Amino acid sequence: MTAVTSGSPPHPVEAVHLSLTSRGSKWEGSPKLAVHIRLRRVGKTKAPTYRVVIADSRAPRNGKFIENIGHYNPRTEPAELKVNADRARHWIKNGARPTATARMILVKSGLPDAEVPPSVR
């Protein structure tokens, strides 16, 4: 067995744990995954509706996505909004970060403001 000297750097897992516990906000130390919660535009020309999807950040706006968790229709009065809160919580817990508009939609759909992390950009 090798002894750990006081001058050696901490184990990578310990370093992450230290950085997570030493920060004030619980979201500052969260891992930077390439998964975002964002809107995917669908519908006809000049009559958009949106799907709330989990997608890789490198995928195009209307391209490949991982999972569809809801939809949003701003053209109805009042705007129609439906989000699967359990799946949204699952992806947030696993590191997915919403865009600014998706964050607003998640909060309007009933998720507490404190549960939704800050937007990506």
PDB file of N, CA and C in Angstrom:
ATOM      1  N   MET A   1       0.835  -1.182   0.000  1.00  0.00           N
ATOM      2  CA  MET A   1       0.000   0.000   0.000  1.00  0.00           C
ATOM      3  C   MET A   1       0.876   1.241   0.000  1.00  0.00           C
ATOM      4  N   THR A   2       0.433   2.246  -0.680  1.00  0.00           N
ATOM      5  CA  THR A   2       1.175   3.491  -0.703  1.00  0.00           C
ATOM      6  C   THR A   2       0.564   4.456   0.285  1.00  0.00           C
ATOM      7  N   ALA A   3       1.428   5.151   0.949  1.00  0.00           N
ATOM      8  CA  ALA A   3       0.956   6.137   1.924  1.00  0.00           C
ATOM      9  C   ALA A   3       0.730   7.466   1.222  1.00  0.00           C
ATOM     10  N   VAL A   4      -0.288   8.172   1.624  1.00  0.00           N
ATOM     11  CA  VAL A   4      -0.582   9.481   1.050  1.00  0.00           C
ATOM     12  C   VAL A   4       0.196  10.519   1.839  1.00  0.00           C
ATOM     13  N   THR A   5       1.012  11.261   1.134  1.00  0.00           N
ATOM     14  CA  THR A   5       1.788  12.308   1.798  1.00  0.00           C
ATOM     15  C   THR A   5       0.982  13.593   1.794  1.00  0.00           C
ATOM     16  N   SER A   6       1.360  14.489   2.668  1.00  0.00           N
ATOM     17  CA  SER A   6       0.600  15.736   2.779  1.00  0.00           C
ATOM     18  C   SER A   6       0.803  16.630   1.564  1.00  0.00           C
ATOM     19  N   GLY A   7       1.854  16.422   0.789  1.00  0.00           N
ATOM     20  CA  GLY A   7       2.113  17.263  -0.367  1.00  0.00           C
ATOM     21  C   GLY A   7       1.447  16.770  -1.635  1.00  0.00           C
ATOM     22  N   SER A   8       0.872  15.574  -1.616  1.00  0.00           N
ATOM     23  CA  SER A   8       0.264  15.041  -2.837  1.00  0.00           C
ATOM     24  C   SER A   8      -1.111  15.663  -3.057  1.00  0.00           C
ATOM     25  N   PRO A   9      -1.481  15.814  -4.330  1.00  0.00           N
ATOM     26  CA  PRO A   9      -2.812  16.386  -4.604  1.00  0.00           C
ATOM     27  C   PRO A   9      -3.896  15.410  -4.193  1.00  0.00           C
ATOM     28  N   PRO A  10      -5.079  15.903  -3.862  1.00  0.00           N
ATOM     29  CA  PRO A  10      -6.158  15.010  -3.446  1.00  0.00           C
ATOM     30  C   PRO A  10      -6.635  14.160  -4.616  1.00  0.00           C
ATOM     31  N   HIS A  11      -7.251  13.072  -4.290  1.00  0.00           N
ATOM     32  CA  HIS A  11      -7.837  12.197  -5.292  1.00  0.00           C
ATOM     33  C   HIS A  11      -8.865  13.009  -6.080  1.00  0.00           C
ATOM     34  N   PRO A  12      -9.017  12.780  -7.408  1.00  0.00           N
ATOM     35  CA  PRO A  12      -9.962  13.591  -8.198  1.00  0.00           C
ATOM     36  C   PRO A  12     -11.377  13.620  -7.634  1.00  0.00           C
ATOM     37  N   VAL A  13     -11.855  12.501  -7.105  1.00  0.00           N
ATOM     38  CA  VAL A  13     -13.204  12.481  -6.537  1.00  0.00           C
ATOM     39  C   VAL A  13     -13.258  13.356  -5.299  1.00  0.00           C
ATOM     40  N   GLU A  14     -12.217  13.309  -4.474  1.00  0.00           N
ATOM     41  CA  GLU A  14     -12.174  14.157  -3.289  1.00  0.00           C
ATOM     42  C   GLU A  14     -12.123  15.625  -3.675  1.00  0.00           C
ATOM     43  N   ALA A  15     -11.393  15.955  -4.737  1.00  0.00           N
ATOM     44  CA  ALA A  15     -11.298  17.349  -5.178  1.00  0.00           C
ATOM     45  C   ALA A  15     -12.662  17.863  -5.617  1.00  0.00           C
ATOM     46  N   VAL A  16     -13.424  17.044  -6.342  1.00  0.00           N
ATOM     47  CA  VAL A  16     -14.765  17.447  -6.768  1.00  0.00           C
ATOM     48  C   VAL A  16     -15.657  17.630  -5.555  1.00  0.00           C
ATOM     49  N   HIS A  17     -15.577  16.698  -4.596  1.00  0.00           N
ATOM     50  CA  HIS A  17     -16.390  16.801  -3.387  1.00  0.00           C
ATOM     51  C   HIS A  17     -16.040  18.073  -2.626  1.00  0.00           C
ATOM     52  N   LEU A  18     -14.754  18.390  -2.524  1.00  0.00           N
ATOM     53  CA  LEU A  18     -14.348  19.601  -1.816  1.00  0.00           C
ATOM     54  C   LEU A  18     -14.867  20.842  -2.525  1.00  0.00           C
ATOM     55  N   SER A  19     -14.797  20.844  -3.865  1.00  0.00           N
ATOM     56  CA  SER A  19     -15.269  22.028  -4.576  1.00  0.00           C
ATOM     57  C   SER A  19     -16.789  22.161  -4.472  1.00  0.00           C
ATOM     58  N   LEU A  20     -17.509  21.041  -4.396  1.00  0.00           N
ATOM     59  CA  LEU A  20     -18.960  21.114  -4.273  1.00  0.00           C
ATOM     60  C   LEU A  20     -19.390  21.612  -2.895  1.00  0.00           C
ATOM     61  N   THR A  21     -18.675  21.205  -1.861  1.00  0.00           N
ATOM     62  CA  THR A  21     -19.079  21.586  -0.513  1.00  0.00           C
ATOM     63  C   THR A  21     -18.589  22.968  -0.122  1.00  0.00           C
ATOM     64  N   SER A  22     -17.582  23.488  -0.798  1.00  0.00           N
ATOM     65  CA  SER A  22     -17.040  24.778  -0.387  1.00  0.00           C
ATOM     66  C   SER A  22     -17.745  25.954  -1.052  1.00  0.00           C
ATOM     67  N   ARG A  23     -18.630  25.697  -1.988  1.00  0.00           N
ATOM     68  CA  ARG A  23     -19.310  26.773  -2.689  1.00  0.00           C
ATOM     69  C   ARG A  23     -20.589  27.164  -1.973  1.00  0.00           C
ATOM     70  N   GLY A  24     -21.051  28.396  -2.206  1.00  0.00           N
ATOM     71  CA  GLY A  24     -22.270  28.868  -1.588  1.00  0.00           C
ATOM     72  C   GLY A  24     -23.519  28.339  -2.274  1.00  0.00           C
ATOM     73  N   SER A  25     -23.528  28.328  -3.602  1.00  0.00           N
ATOM     74  CA  SER A  25     -24.698  27.866  -4.347  1.00  0.00           C
ATOM     75  C   SER A  25     -24.562  26.395  -4.680  1.00  0.00           C
ATOM     76  N   LYS A  26     -25.681  25.676  -4.628  1.00  0.00           N
ATOM     77  CA  LYS A  26     -25.600  24.247  -4.911  1.00  0.00           C
ATOM     78  C   LYS A  26     -25.420  23.971  -6.398  1.00  0.00           C
ATOM     79  N   TRP A  27     -25.627  24.956  -7.275  1.00  0.00           N
ATOM     80  CA  TRP A  27     -25.503  24.733  -8.714  1.00  0.00           C
ATOM     81  C   TRP A  27     -24.128  25.098  -9.243  1.00  0.00           C
ATOM     82  N   GLU A  28     -23.342  25.892  -8.514  1.00  0.00           N
ATOM     83  CA  GLU A  28     -22.048  26.339  -9.023  1.00  0.00           C
ATOM     84  C   GLU A  28     -21.087  25.181  -9.234  1.00  0.00           C
ATOM     85  N   GLY A  29     -21.112  24.181  -8.375  1.00  0.00           N
ATOM     86  CA  GLY A  29     -20.183  23.083  -8.473  1.00  0.00           C
ATOM     87  C   GLY A  29     -20.718  21.894  -9.240  1.00  0.00           C
ATOM     88  N   SER A  30     -21.918  22.014  -9.825  1.00  0.00           N
ATOM     89  CA  SER A  30     -22.485  20.865 -10.516  1.00  0.00           C
ATOM     90  C   SER A  30     -21.672  20.546 -11.761  1.00  0.00           C
ATOM     91  N   PRO A  31     -21.616  19.275 -12.125  1.00  0.00           N
ATOM     92  CA  PRO A  31     -20.814  18.892 -13.281  1.00  0.00           C
ATOM     93  C   PRO A  31     -21.336  19.541 -14.550  1.00  0.00           C
ATOM     94  N   LYS A  32     -20.436  19.878 -15.449  1.00  0.00           N
ATOM     95  CA  LYS A  32     -20.798  20.522 -16.706  1.00  0.00           C
ATOM     96  C   LYS A  32     -21.036  19.452 -17.764  1.00  0.00           C
ATOM     97  N   LEU A  33     -22.266  18.979 -17.845  1.00  0.00           N
ATOM     98  CA  LEU A  33     -22.607  17.996 -18.850  1.00  0.00           C
ATOM     99  C   LEU A  33     -23.077  18.705 -20.106  1.00  0.00           C
ATOM    100  N   ALA A  34     -22.992  18.016 -21.209  1.00  0.00           N
ATOM    101  CA  ALA A  34     -23.399  18.600 -22.474  1.00  0.00           C
ATOM    102  C   ALA A  34     -24.862  18.301 -22.764  1.00  0.00           C
ATOM    103  N   VAL A  35     -25.684  18.248 -21.725  1.00  0.00           N
ATOM    104  CA  VAL A  35     -27.113  17.967 -21.895  1.00  0.00           C
ATOM    105  C   VAL A  35     -27.897  19.194 -21.432  1.00  0.00           C
ATOM    106  N   HIS A  36     -28.788  19.671 -22.314  1.00  0.00           N
ATOM    107  CA  HIS A  36     -29.582  20.854 -22.008  1.00  0.00           C
ATOM    108  C   HIS A  36     -31.065  20.537 -22.109  1.00  0.00           C
ATOM    109  N   ILE A  37     -31.845  21.283 -21.349  1.00  0.00           N
ATOM    110  CA  ILE A  37     -33.303  21.261 -21.490  1.00  0.00           C
ATOM    111  C   ILE A  37     -33.623  22.487 -22.328  1.00  0.00           C
ATOM    112  N   ARG A  38     -34.216  22.280 -23.479  1.00  0.00           N
ATOM    113  CA  ARG A  38     -34.475  23.409 -24.374  1.00  0.00           C
ATOM    114  C   ARG A  38     -35.731  23.179 -25.197  1.00  0.00           C
ATOM    115  N   LEU A  39     -36.080  24.190 -25.998  1.00  0.00           N
ATOM    116  CA  LEU A  39     -37.279  24.118 -26.821  1.00  0.00           C
ATOM    117  C   LEU A  39     -36.926  23.687 -28.238  1.00  0.00           C
ATOM    118  N   ARG A  40     -37.797  22.873 -28.806  1.00  0.00           N
ATOM    119  CA  ARG A  40     -37.651  22.417 -30.188  1.00  0.00           C
ATOM    120  C   ARG A  40     -38.853  22.942 -30.944  1.00  0.00           C
ATOM    121  N   ARG A  41     -38.609  23.728 -31.998  1.00  0.00           N
ATOM    122  CA  ARG A  41     -39.710  24.365 -32.734  1.00  0.00           C
ATOM    123  C   ARG A  41     -40.339  23.370 -33.694  1.00  0.00           C
ATOM    124  N   VAL A  42     -41.659  23.248 -33.594  1.00  0.00           N
ATOM    125  CA  VAL A  42     -42.438  22.413 -34.509  1.00  0.00           C
ATOM    126  C   VAL A  42     -43.654  23.222 -34.940  1.00  0.00           C
ATOM    127  N   GLY A  43     -44.412  22.718 -35.872  1.00  0.00           N
ATOM    128  CA  GLY A  43     -45.595  23.431 -36.339  1.00  0.00           C
ATOM    129  C   GLY A  43     -45.395  23.959 -37.749  1.00  0.00           C
ATOM    130  N   LYS A  44     -46.381  24.728 -38.206  1.00  0.00           N
ATOM    131  CA  LYS A  44     -46.340  25.262 -39.564  1.00  0.00           C
ATOM    132  C   LYS A  44     -45.579  26.582 -39.590  1.00  0.00           C
ATOM    133  N   THR A  45     -45.357  27.064 -40.806  1.00  0.00           N
ATOM    134  CA  THR A  45     -44.718  28.356 -40.990  1.00  0.00           C
ATOM    135  C   THR A  45     -45.582  29.448 -40.350  1.00  0.00           C
ATOM    136  N   LYS A  46     -44.975  30.285 -39.563  1.00  0.00           N
ATOM    137  CA  LYS A  46     -45.619  31.399 -38.851  1.00  0.00           C
ATOM    138  C   LYS A  46     -46.687  30.941 -37.858  1.00  0.00           C
ATOM    139  N   ALA A  47     -46.690  29.667 -37.494  1.00  0.00           N
ATOM    140  CA  ALA A  47     -47.609  29.141 -36.480  1.00  0.00           C
ATOM    141  C   ALA A  47     -46.833  28.147 -35.615  1.00  0.00           C
ATOM    142  N   PRO A  48     -45.865  28.635 -34.853  1.00  0.00           N
ATOM    143  CA  PRO A  48     -44.998  27.715 -34.125  1.00  0.00           C
ATOM    144  C   PRO A  48     -45.636  27.153 -32.863  1.00  0.00           C
ATOM    145  N   THR A  49     -45.290  25.931 -32.561  1.00  0.00           N
ATOM    146  CA  THR A  49     -45.495  25.338 -31.251  1.00  0.00           C
ATOM    147  C   THR A  49     -44.127  24.760 -30.877  1.00  0.00           C
ATOM    148  N   TYR A  50     -43.939  24.476 -29.621  1.00  0.00           N
ATOM    149  CA  TYR A  50     -42.624  24.039 -29.163  1.00  0.00           C
ATOM    150  C   TYR A  50     -42.740  22.780 -28.330  1.00  0.00           C
ATOM    151  N   ARG A  51     -41.744  21.932 -28.435  1.00  0.00           N
ATOM    152  CA  ARG A  51     -41.621  20.775 -27.564  1.00  0.00           C
ATOM    153  C   ARG A  51     -40.488  21.048 -26.596  1.00  0.00           C
ATOM    154  N   VAL A  52     -40.691  20.685 -25.345  1.00  0.00           N
ATOM    155  CA  VAL A  52     -39.638  20.806 -24.334  1.00  0.00           C
ATOM    156  C   VAL A  52     -38.879  19.486 -24.378  1.00  0.00           C
ATOM    157  N   VAL A  53     -37.600  19.547 -24.757  1.00  0.00           N
ATOM    158  CA  VAL A  53     -36.826  18.329 -24.957  1.00  0.00           C
ATOM    159  C   VAL A  53     -35.517  18.366 -24.170  1.00  0.00           C
ATOM    160  N   ILE A  54     -34.980  17.172 -23.951  1.00  0.00           N
ATOM    161  CA  ILE A  54     -33.639  17.002 -23.401  1.00  0.00           C
ATOM    162  C   ILE A  54     -32.766  16.693 -24.602  1.00  0.00           C
ATOM    163  N   ALA A  55     -31.714  17.495 -24.831  1.00  0.00           N
ATOM    164  CA  ALA A  55     -30.886  17.316 -26.017  1.00  0.00           C
ATOM    165  C   ALA A  55     -29.428  17.561 -25.699  1.00  0.00           C
ATOM    166  N   ASP A  56     -28.580  16.943 -26.478  1.00  0.00           N
ATOM    167  CA  ASP A  56     -27.148  17.208 -26.404  1.00  0.00           C
ATOM    168  C   ASP A  56     -26.935  18.649 -26.869  1.00  0.00           C
ATOM    169  N   SER A  57     -26.061  19.364 -26.192  1.00  0.00           N
ATOM    170  CA  SER A  57     -25.866  20.779 -26.529  1.00  0.00           C
ATOM    171  C   SER A  57     -25.277  20.977 -27.915  1.00  0.00           C
ATOM    172  N   ARG A  58     -24.642  19.956 -28.461  1.00  0.00           N
ATOM    173  CA  ARG A  58     -24.032  20.085 -29.785  1.00  0.00           C
ATOM    174  C   ARG A  58     -25.014  19.810 -30.914  1.00  0.00           C
ATOM    175  N   ALA A  59     -26.188  19.271 -30.599  1.00  0.00           N
ATOM    176  CA  ALA A  59     -27.197  18.963 -31.616  1.00  0.00           C
ATOM    177  C   ALA A  59     -27.884  20.252 -32.062  1.00  0.00           C
ATOM    178  N   PRO A  60     -28.313  20.328 -33.342  1.00  0.00           N
ATOM    179  CA  PRO A  60     -29.031  21.524 -33.795  1.00  0.00           C
ATOM    180  C   PRO A  60     -30.378  21.682 -33.091  1.00  0.00           C
ATOM    181  N   ARG A  61     -30.948  22.883 -33.174  1.00  0.00           N
ATOM    182  CA  ARG A  61     -32.173  23.203 -32.452  1.00  0.00           C
ATOM    183  C   ARG A  61     -33.293  22.206 -32.719  1.00  0.00           C
ATOM    184  N   ASN A  62     -33.532  21.886 -33.973  1.00  0.00           N
ATOM    185  CA  ASN A  62     -34.607  20.959 -34.316  1.00  0.00           C
ATOM    186  C   ASN A  62     -34.077  19.577 -34.667  1.00  0.00           C
ATOM    187  N   GLY A  63     -32.862  19.282 -34.258  1.00  0.00           N
ATOM    188  CA  GLY A  63     -32.245  18.006 -34.601  1.00  0.00           C
ATOM    189  C   GLY A  63     -32.502  16.931 -33.569  1.00  0.00           C
ATOM    190  N   LYS A  64     -31.517  16.058 -33.440  1.00  0.00           N
ATOM    191  CA  LYS A  64     -31.624  14.893 -32.573  1.00  0.00           C
ATOM    192  C   LYS A  64     -31.806  15.311 -31.110  1.00  0.00           C
ATOM    193  N   PHE A  65     -32.681  14.607 -30.413  1.00  0.00           N
ATOM    194  CA  PHE A  65     -32.888  14.871 -28.997  1.00  0.00           C
ATOM    195  C   PHE A  65     -32.944  13.554 -28.240  1.00  0.00           C
ATOM    196  N   ILE A  66     -32.769  13.624 -26.920  1.00  0.00           N
ATOM    197  CA  ILE A  66     -32.742  12.425 -26.085  1.00  0.00           C
ATOM    198  C   ILE A  66     -34.148  12.032 -25.649  1.00  0.00           C
ATOM    199  N   GLU A  67     -34.905  13.011 -25.157  1.00  0.00           N
ATOM    200  CA  GLU A  67     -36.242  12.713 -24.648  1.00  0.00           C
ATOM    201  C   GLU A  67     -37.138  13.938 -24.755  1.00  0.00           C
ATOM    202  N   ASN A  68     -38.403  13.714 -25.059  1.00  0.00           N
ATOM    203  CA  ASN A  68     -39.416  14.766 -25.108  1.00  0.00           C
ATOM    204  C   ASN A  68     -40.134  14.764 -23.760  1.00  0.00           C
ATOM    205  N   ILE A  69     -40.093  15.896 -23.019  1.00  0.00           N
ATOM    206  CA  ILE A  69     -40.720  15.923 -21.697  1.00  0.00           C
ATOM    207  C   ILE A  69     -41.942  16.835 -21.620  1.00  0.00           C
ATOM    208  N   GLY A  70     -42.320  17.469 -22.731  1.00  0.00           N
ATOM    209  CA  GLY A  70     -43.508  18.314 -22.687  1.00  0.00           C
ATOM    210  C   GLY A  70     -43.698  19.114 -23.951  1.00  0.00           C
ATOM    211  N   HIS A  71     -44.721  19.975 -23.945  1.00  0.00           N
ATOM    212  CA  HIS A  71     -44.960  20.852 -25.077  1.00  0.00           C
ATOM    213  C   HIS A  71     -45.499  22.202 -24.599  1.00  0.00           C
ATOM    214  N   TYR A  72     -45.362  23.214 -25.500  1.00  0.00           N
ATOM    215  CA  TYR A  72     -45.749  24.583 -25.191  1.00  0.00           C
ATOM    216  C   TYR A  72     -46.330  25.201 -26.453  1.00  0.00           C
ATOM    217  N   ASN A  73     -47.546  25.717 -26.342  1.00  0.00           N
ATOM    218  CA  ASN A  73     -48.198  26.370 -27.475  1.00  0.00           C
ATOM    219  C   ASN A  73     -48.517  27.808 -27.082  1.00  0.00           C
ATOM    220  N   PRO A  74     -47.689  28.778 -27.520  1.00  0.00           N
ATOM    221  CA  PRO A  74     -47.918  30.175 -27.129  1.00  0.00           C
ATOM    222  C   PRO A  74     -49.060  30.836 -27.895  1.00  0.00           C
ATOM    223  N   ARG A  75     -49.606  30.197 -28.927  1.00  0.00           N
ATOM    224  CA  ARG A  75     -50.616  30.827 -29.768  1.00  0.00           C
ATOM    225  C   ARG A  75     -52.028  30.702 -29.223  1.00  0.00           C
ATOM    226  N   THR A  76     -52.236  29.856 -28.225  1.00  0.00           N
ATOM    227  CA  THR A  76     -53.569  29.746 -27.629  1.00  0.00           C
ATOM    228  C   THR A  76     -53.701  30.769 -26.500  1.00  0.00           C
ATOM    229  N   GLU A  77     -54.931  31.050 -26.122  1.00  0.00           N
ATOM    230  CA  GLU A  77     -55.164  32.001 -25.031  1.00  0.00           C
ATOM    231  C   GLU A  77     -55.930  31.302 -23.935  1.00  0.00           C
ATOM    232  N   PRO A  78     -55.431  31.028 -22.772  1.00  0.00           N
ATOM    233  CA  PRO A  78     -54.043  31.231 -22.347  1.00  0.00           C
ATOM    234  C   PRO A  78     -53.126  30.199 -22.985  1.00  0.00           C
ATOM    235  N   ALA A  79     -51.833  30.473 -22.953  1.00  0.00           N
ATOM    236  CA  ALA A  79     -50.852  29.588 -23.584  1.00  0.00           C
ATOM    237  C   ALA A  79     -50.936  28.188 -22.981  1.00  0.00           C
ATOM    238  N   GLU A  80     -50.947  27.189 -23.855  1.00  0.00           N
ATOM    239  CA  GLU A  80     -51.024  25.799 -23.412  1.00  0.00           C
ATOM    240  C   GLU A  80     -49.616  25.326 -23.051  1.00  0.00           C
ATOM    241  N   LEU A  81     -49.495  24.754 -21.859  1.00  0.00           N
ATOM    242  CA  LEU A  81     -48.189  24.342 -21.355  1.00  0.00           C
ATOM    243  C   LEU A  81     -48.334  23.037 -20.596  1.00  0.00           C
ATOM    244  N   LYS A  82     -47.572  22.035 -20.981  1.00  0.00           N
ATOM    245  CA  LYS A  82     -47.608  20.751 -20.290  1.00  0.00           C
ATOM    246  C   LYS A  82     -46.184  20.206 -20.220  1.00  0.00           C
ATOM    247  N   VAL A  83     -45.712  19.937 -18.989  1.00  0.00           N
ATOM    248  CA  VAL A  83     -44.368  19.406 -18.774  1.00  0.00           C
ATOM    249  C   VAL A  83     -44.463  18.245 -17.794  1.00  0.00           C
ATOM    250  N   ASN A  84     -43.768  17.161 -18.084  1.00  0.00           N
ATOM    251  CA  ASN A  84     -43.692  16.017 -17.183  1.00  0.00           C
ATOM    252  C   ASN A  84     -42.682  16.374 -16.086  1.00  0.00           C
ATOM    253  N   ALA A  85     -43.163  16.791 -14.932  1.00  0.00           N
ATOM    254  CA  ALA A  85     -42.299  17.284 -13.856  1.00  0.00           C
ATOM    255  C   ALA A  85     -41.365  16.209 -13.315  1.00  0.00           C
ATOM    256  N   ASP A  86     -41.819  14.973 -13.260  1.00  0.00           N
ATOM    257  CA  ASP A  86     -40.954  13.896 -12.753  1.00  0.00           C
ATOM    258  C   ASP A  86     -39.733  13.706 -13.638  1.00  0.00           C
ATOM    259  N   ARG A  87     -39.948  13.710 -14.958  1.00  0.00           N
ATOM    260  CA  ARG A  87     -38.814  13.536 -15.877  1.00  0.00           C
ATOM    261  C   ARG A  87     -37.906  14.766 -15.863  1.00  0.00           C
ATOM    262  N   ALA A  88     -38.484  15.960 -15.713  1.00  0.00           N
ATOM    263  CA  ALA A  88     -37.668  17.168 -15.632  1.00  0.00           C
ATOM    264  C   ALA A  88     -36.783  17.120 -14.389  1.00  0.00           C
ATOM    265  N   ARG A  89     -37.354  16.723 -13.244  1.00  0.00           N
ATOM    266  CA  ARG A  89     -36.560  16.598 -12.016  1.00  0.00           C
ATOM    267  C   ARG A  89     -35.456  15.553 -12.183  1.00  0.00           C
ATOM    268  N   HIS A  90     -35.770  14.450 -12.836  1.00  0.00           N
ATOM    269  CA  HIS A  90     -34.784  13.395 -13.068  1.00  0.00           C
ATOM    270  C   HIS A  90     -33.590  13.936 -13.853  1.00  0.00           C
ATOM    271  N   TRP A  91     -33.858  14.657 -14.941  1.00  0.00           N
ATOM    272  CA  TRP A  91     -32.764  15.163 -15.765  1.00  0.00           C
ATOM    273  C   TRP A  91     -32.002  16.283 -15.072  1.00  0.00           C
ATOM    274  N   ILE A  92     -32.685  17.125 -14.309  1.00  0.00           N
ATOM    275  CA  ILE A  92     -31.991  18.182 -13.556  1.00  0.00           C
ATOM    276  C   ILE A  92     -31.074  17.556 -12.517  1.00  0.00           C
ATOM    277  N   LYS A  93     -31.565  16.507 -11.853  1.00  0.00           N
ATOM    278  CA  LYS A  93     -30.753  15.813 -10.854  1.00  0.00           C
ATOM    279  C   LYS A  93     -29.513  15.185 -11.487  1.00  0.00           C
ATOM    280  N   ASN A  94     -29.622  14.762 -12.739  1.00  0.00           N
ATOM    281  CA  ASN A  94     -28.496  14.152 -13.436  1.00  0.00           C
ATOM    282  C   ASN A  94     -27.613  15.158 -14.164  1.00  0.00           C
ATOM    283  N   GLY A  95     -27.870  16.442 -14.005  1.00  0.00           N
ATOM    284  CA  GLY A  95     -26.951  17.456 -14.513  1.00  0.00           C
ATOM    285  C   GLY A  95     -27.412  18.247 -15.708  1.00  0.00           C
ATOM    286  N   ALA A  96     -28.611  18.036 -16.226  1.00  0.00           N
ATOM    287  CA  ALA A  96     -29.093  18.808 -17.376  1.00  0.00           C
ATOM    288  C   ALA A  96     -29.376  20.243 -16.940  1.00  0.00           C
ATOM    289  N   ARG A  97     -28.975  21.196 -17.771  1.00  0.00           N
ATOM    290  CA  ARG A  97     -29.184  22.611 -17.464  1.00  0.00           C
ATOM    291  C   ARG A  97     -30.141  23.215 -18.485  1.00  0.00           C
ATOM    292  N   PRO A  98     -31.149  23.968 -18.059  1.00  0.00           N
ATOM    293  CA  PRO A  98     -32.107  24.551 -19.006  1.00  0.00           C
ATOM    294  C   PRO A  98     -31.578  25.834 -19.639  1.00  0.00           C
ATOM    295  N   THR A  99     -32.100  26.158 -20.816  1.00  0.00           N
ATOM    296  CA  THR A  99     -31.848  27.470 -21.402  1.00  0.00           C
ATOM    297  C   THR A  99     -32.738  28.469 -20.650  1.00  0.00           C
ATOM    298  N   ALA A 100     -32.575  29.744 -20.921  1.00  0.00           N
ATOM    299  CA  ALA A 100     -33.334  30.766 -20.200  1.00  0.00           C
ATOM    300  C   ALA A 100     -34.848  30.599 -20.411  1.00  0.00           C
ATOM    301  N   THR A 101     -35.274  30.382 -21.646  1.00  0.00           N
ATOM    302  CA  THR A 101     -36.699  30.225 -21.931  1.00  0.00           C
ATOM    303  C   THR A 101     -37.234  28.922 -21.353  1.00  0.00           C
ATOM    304  N   ALA A 102     -36.458  27.851 -21.467  1.00  0.00           N
ATOM    305  CA  ALA A 102     -36.901  26.574 -20.912  1.00  0.00           C
ATOM    306  C   ALA A 102     -37.012  26.662 -19.390  1.00  0.00           C
ATOM    307  N   ARG A 103     -36.121  27.406 -18.744  1.00  0.00           N
ATOM    308  CA  ARG A 103     -36.188  27.587 -17.290  1.00  0.00           C
ATOM    309  C   ARG A 103     -37.487  28.295 -16.909  1.00  0.00           C
ATOM    310  N   MET A 104     -37.822  29.337 -17.652  1.00  0.00           N
ATOM    311  CA  MET A 104     -39.053  30.075 -17.388  1.00  0.00           C
ATOM    312  C   MET A 104     -40.276  29.155 -17.541  1.00  0.00           C
ATOM    313  N   ILE A 105     -40.270  28.310 -18.562  1.00  0.00           N
ATOM    314  CA  ILE A 105     -41.380  27.394 -18.799  1.00  0.00           C
ATOM    315  C   ILE A 105     -41.466  26.343 -17.695  1.00  0.00           C
ATOM    316  N   LEU A 106     -40.325  25.835 -17.235  1.00  0.00           N
ATOM    317  CA  LEU A 106     -40.332  24.853 -16.152  1.00  0.00           C
ATOM    318  C   LEU A 106     -40.911  25.448 -14.874  1.00  0.00           C
ATOM    319  N   VAL A 107     -40.563  26.698 -14.578  1.00  0.00           N
ATOM    320  CA  VAL A 107     -41.082  27.361 -13.372  1.00  0.00           C
ATOM    321  C   VAL A 107     -42.582  27.608 -13.519  1.00  0.00           C
ATOM    322  N   LYS A 108     -43.022  28.047 -14.706  1.00  0.00           N
ATOM    323  CA  LYS A 108     -44.453  28.284 -14.934  1.00  0.00           C
ATOM    324  C   LYS A 108     -45.265  26.999 -14.873  1.00  0.00           C
ATOM    325  N   SER A 109     -44.627  25.867 -15.198  1.00  0.00           N
ATOM    326  CA  SER A 109     -45.351  24.594 -15.199  1.00  0.00           C
ATOM    327  C   SER A 109     -45.544  24.033 -13.799  1.00  0.00           C
ATOM    328  N   GLY A 110     -44.914  24.640 -12.801  1.00  0.00           N
ATOM    329  CA  GLY A 110     -45.167  24.204 -11.438  1.00  0.00           C
ATOM    330  C   GLY A 110     -43.942  23.750 -10.661  1.00  0.00           C
ATOM    331  N   LEU A 111     -42.779  23.625 -11.301  1.00  0.00           N
ATOM    332  CA  LEU A 111     -41.577  23.272 -10.558  1.00  0.00           C
ATOM    333  C   LEU A 111     -41.164  24.464  -9.695  1.00  0.00           C
ATOM    334  N   PRO A 112     -40.795  24.242  -8.436  1.00  0.00           N
ATOM    335  CA  PRO A 112     -40.354  25.363  -7.593  1.00  0.00           C
ATOM    336  C   PRO A 112     -39.103  26.029  -8.162  1.00  0.00           C
ATOM    337  N   ASP A 113     -39.031  27.335  -8.026  1.00  0.00           N
ATOM    338  CA  ASP A 113     -37.918  28.115  -8.559  1.00  0.00           C
ATOM    339  C   ASP A 113     -36.575  27.625  -8.015  1.00  0.00           C
ATOM    340  N   ALA A 114     -36.546  27.189  -6.766  1.00  0.00           N
ATOM    341  CA  ALA A 114     -35.299  26.737  -6.163  1.00  0.00           C
ATOM    342  C   ALA A 114     -34.827  25.407  -6.734  1.00  0.00           C
ATOM    343  N   GLU A 115     -35.751  24.591  -7.285  1.00  0.00           N
ATOM    344  CA  GLU A 115     -35.384  23.288  -7.841  1.00  0.00           C
ATOM    345  C   GLU A 115     -34.778  23.385  -9.230  1.00  0.00           C
ATOM    346  N   VAL A 116     -35.080  24.464  -9.952  1.00  0.00           N
ATOM    347  CA  VAL A 116     -34.609  24.610 -11.330  1.00  0.00           C
ATOM    348  C   VAL A 116     -33.276  25.351 -11.316  1.00  0.00           C
ATOM    349  N   PRO A 117     -32.222  24.752 -11.902  1.00  0.00           N
ATOM    350  CA  PRO A 117     -30.921  25.421 -11.895  1.00  0.00           C
ATOM    351  C   PRO A 117     -30.926  26.666 -12.774  1.00  0.00           C
ATOM    352  N   PRO A 118     -29.919  27.545 -12.613  1.00  0.00           N
ATOM    353  CA  PRO A 118     -29.848  28.730 -13.464  1.00  0.00           C
ATOM    354  C   PRO A 118     -29.642  28.328 -14.914  1.00  0.00           C
ATOM    355  N   SER A 119     -29.978  29.254 -15.817  1.00  0.00           N
ATOM    356  CA  SER A 119     -29.901  28.939 -17.242  1.00  0.00           C
ATOM    357  C   SER A 119     -28.455  28.785 -17.685  1.00  0.00           C
ATOM    358  N   VAL A 120     -28.291  28.122 -18.823  1.00  0.00           N
ATOM    359  CA  VAL A 120     -26.968  27.815 -19.365  1.00  0.00           C
ATOM    360  C   VAL A 120     -26.251  29.080 -19.792  1.00  0.00           C
ATOM    361  N   ARG A 121     -26.950  29.936 -20.503  1.00  0.00           N
ATOM    362  CA  ARG A 121     -26.301  31.136 -21.032  1.00  0.00           C
ATOM    363  C   ARG A 121     -26.783  32.358 -20.324  1.00  0.00           C
TER     364      ARG A 121
END
